[in-house]
């Protein structure tokens, strides 16, 4: 029972920190590692052109959408990991 309170408290702290960050920086754009890498590469060699076009570029309608998709991806991963941890913990408790 004590573990649930600790985990709940930590989750509330993370959510509060997230909303504080949104309130402290209204209208901010959240950039990813891809944009930073492009800036570094263009600083080293401004004439560099990628030899592999990669996948067709998908531009979400706003920076918030990109952040939401990233958070959704993280949440799905956490659900999958949590399911397996819970499954094996329940399996061990039942004695199977």
C-alpha atoms as a PDB file:
ATOM      1  CA  UNK A   1       0.000   0.000   0.000  1.00  0.00           C
ATOM      2  CA  UNK A   2       2.852   2.373   0.806  1.00  0.00           C
ATOM      3  CA  UNK A   3       4.432   1.722  -2.615  1.00  0.00           C
ATOM      4  CA  UNK A   4       1.243   2.856  -4.378  1.00  0.00           C
ATOM      5  CA  UNK A   5       1.311   6.162  -2.488  1.00  0.00           C
ATOM      6  CA  UNK A   6       4.955   6.746  -3.384  1.00  0.00           C
ATOM      7  CA  UNK A   7       4.384   5.973  -7.072  1.00  0.00           C
ATOM      8  CA  UNK A   8       1.271   8.171  -7.099  1.00  0.00           C
ATOM      9  CA  UNK A   9       3.163  11.040  -5.485  1.00  0.00           C
ATOM     10  CA  UNK A  10       5.981  10.763  -8.038  1.00  0.00           C
ATOM     11  CA  UNK A  11       3.451  10.701 -10.888  1.00  0.00           C
ATOM     12  CA  UNK A  12       1.763  13.832  -9.526  1.00  0.00           C
ATOM     13  CA  UNK A  13       5.158  15.568  -9.327  1.00  0.00           C
ATOM     14  CA  UNK A  14       5.914  14.744 -12.968  1.00  0.00           C
ATOM     15  CA  UNK A  15       2.496  15.970 -14.134  1.00  0.00           C
ATOM     16  CA  UNK A  16       2.846  19.167 -12.097  1.00  0.00           C
ATOM     17  CA  UNK A  17       6.300  19.790 -13.544  1.00  0.00           C
ATOM     18  CA  UNK A  18       4.965  19.258 -17.072  1.00  0.00           C
ATOM     19  CA  UNK A  19       2.122  21.748 -16.626  1.00  0.00           C
ATOM     20  CA  UNK A  20       4.436  24.234 -14.901  1.00  0.00           C
ATOM     21  CA  UNK A  21       6.770  24.034 -17.900  1.00  0.00           C
ATOM     22  CA  UNK A  22       3.869  24.721 -20.252  1.00  0.00           C
ATOM     23  CA  UNK A  23       2.674  27.666 -18.161  1.00  0.00           C
ATOM     24  CA  UNK A  24       6.178  29.148 -17.766  1.00  0.00           C
ATOM     25  CA  UNK A  25       6.889  29.038 -21.535  1.00  0.00           C
ATOM     26  CA  UNK A  26       3.670  29.920 -23.386  1.00  0.00           C
ATOM     27  CA  UNK A  27       3.871  29.669 -27.159  1.00  0.00           C
ATOM     28  CA  UNK A  28       7.238  27.934 -27.099  1.00  0.00           C
ATOM     29  CA  UNK A  29       8.286  25.513 -29.784  1.00  0.00           C
ATOM     30  CA  UNK A  30       9.695  22.192 -28.692  1.00  0.00           C
ATOM     31  CA  UNK A  31      12.413  21.107 -31.095  1.00  0.00           C
ATOM     32  CA  UNK A  32      13.745  17.637 -31.494  1.00  0.00           C
ATOM     33  CA  UNK A  33      17.164  16.113 -31.962  1.00  0.00           C
ATOM     34  CA  UNK A  34      16.742  16.072 -35.755  1.00  0.00           C
ATOM     35  CA  UNK A  35      16.645  19.853 -35.969  1.00  0.00           C
ATOM     36  CA  UNK A  36      19.660  20.197 -33.695  1.00  0.00           C
ATOM     37  CA  UNK A  37      21.619  17.694 -35.816  1.00  0.00           C
ATOM     38  CA  UNK A  38      20.806  19.641 -38.978  1.00  0.00           C
ATOM     39  CA  UNK A  39      22.096  22.830 -37.374  1.00  0.00           C
ATOM     40  CA  UNK A  40      25.366  21.181 -36.320  1.00  0.00           C
ATOM     41  CA  UNK A  41      25.904  19.601 -39.751  1.00  0.00           C
ATOM     42  CA  UNK A  42      25.210  22.849 -41.581  1.00  0.00           C
ATOM     43  CA  UNK A  43      27.659  24.597 -39.225  1.00  0.00           C
ATOM     44  CA  UNK A  44      30.382  22.104 -40.132  1.00  0.00           C
ATOM     45  CA  UNK A  45      29.679  21.946 -43.858  1.00  0.00           C
ATOM     46  CA  UNK A  46      27.074  24.376 -45.259  1.00  0.00           C
ATOM     47  CA  UNK A  47      27.128  22.632 -48.675  1.00  0.00           C
ATOM     48  CA  UNK A  48      26.273  19.182 -47.295  1.00  0.00           C
ATOM     49  CA  UNK A  49      23.317  17.476 -48.925  1.00  0.00           C
ATOM     50  CA  UNK A  50      21.898  14.200 -47.639  1.00  0.00           C
ATOM     51  CA  UNK A  51      22.484  11.278 -49.992  1.00  0.00           C
ATOM     52  CA  UNK A  52      19.447   9.345 -48.725  1.00  0.00           C
ATOM     53  CA  UNK A  53      16.120  11.145 -48.924  1.00  0.00           C
ATOM     54  CA  UNK A  54      14.648   8.848 -46.256  1.00  0.00           C
ATOM     55  CA  UNK A  55      10.946   8.513 -45.651  1.00  0.00           C
ATOM     56  CA  UNK A  56       8.541  11.096 -47.005  1.00  0.00           C
ATOM     57  CA  UNK A  57       8.553  13.975 -44.579  1.00  0.00           C
ATOM     58  CA  UNK A  58       5.488  14.322 -42.381  1.00  0.00           C
ATOM     59  CA  UNK A  59       4.942  17.791 -40.987  1.00  0.00           C
ATOM     60  CA  UNK A  60       2.400  17.877 -38.165  1.00  0.00           C
ATOM     61  CA  UNK A  61       0.185  20.977 -38.067  1.00  0.00           C
ATOM     62  CA  UNK A  62       2.009  22.406 -35.023  1.00  0.00           C
ATOM     63  CA  UNK A  63       4.774  21.851 -32.516  1.00  0.00           C
ATOM     64  CA  UNK A  64       2.227  20.802 -29.909  1.00  0.00           C
ATOM     65  CA  UNK A  65       1.058  17.967 -32.157  1.00  0.00           C
ATOM     66  CA  UNK A  66       4.613  16.683 -32.481  1.00  0.00           C
ATOM     67  CA  UNK A  67       5.028  16.761 -28.702  1.00  0.00           C
ATOM     68  CA  UNK A  68       1.682  15.021 -28.258  1.00  0.00           C
ATOM     69  CA  UNK A  69       2.685  12.233 -30.665  1.00  0.00           C
ATOM     70  CA  UNK A  70       5.978  11.765 -28.820  1.00  0.00           C
ATOM     71  CA  UNK A  71       4.159  11.632 -25.469  1.00  0.00           C
ATOM     72  CA  UNK A  72       1.671   9.145 -26.911  1.00  0.00           C
ATOM     73  CA  UNK A  73       4.536   6.951 -28.097  1.00  0.00           C
ATOM     74  CA  UNK A  74       6.108   7.076 -24.635  1.00  0.00           C
ATOM     75  CA  UNK A  75       2.773   6.285 -22.976  1.00  0.00           C
ATOM     76  CA  UNK A  76       2.175   3.254 -25.197  1.00  0.00           C
ATOM     77  CA  UNK A  77       5.665   1.985 -24.408  1.00  0.00           C
ATOM     78  CA  UNK A  78       5.086   2.495 -20.676  1.00  0.00           C
ATOM     79  CA  UNK A  79       1.776   0.607 -20.884  1.00  0.00           C
ATOM     80  CA  UNK A  80       3.425  -2.340 -22.629  1.00  0.00           C
ATOM     81  CA  UNK A  81       6.313  -2.465 -20.142  1.00  0.00           C
ATOM     82  CA  UNK A  82       3.937  -2.057 -17.187  1.00  0.00           C
ATOM     83  CA  UNK A  83       1.707  -4.846 -18.488  1.00  0.00           C
ATOM     84  CA  UNK A  84       4.575  -7.309 -18.643  1.00  0.00           C
ATOM     85  CA  UNK A  85       5.911  -6.327 -15.218  1.00  0.00           C
ATOM     86  CA  UNK A  86       2.416  -6.732 -13.771  1.00  0.00           C
ATOM     87  CA  UNK A  87       1.863 -10.013 -15.575  1.00  0.00           C
ATOM     88  CA  UNK A  88       5.051 -11.572 -14.267  1.00  0.00           C
ATOM     89  CA  UNK A  89       4.521 -10.181 -10.766  1.00  0.00           C
ATOM     90  CA  UNK A  90       1.036 -11.657 -10.683  1.00  0.00           C
ATOM     91  CA  UNK A  91       2.319 -14.924 -12.062  1.00  0.00           C
ATOM     92  CA  UNK A  92       4.974 -15.100  -9.311  1.00  0.00           C
ATOM     93  CA  UNK A  93       2.443 -14.273  -6.575  1.00  0.00           C
ATOM     94  CA  UNK A  94       0.031 -16.966  -7.722  1.00  0.00           C
ATOM     95  CA  UNK A  95       2.781 -19.594  -7.573  1.00  0.00           C
ATOM     96  CA  UNK A  96       2.741 -20.668 -11.208  1.00  0.00           C
END
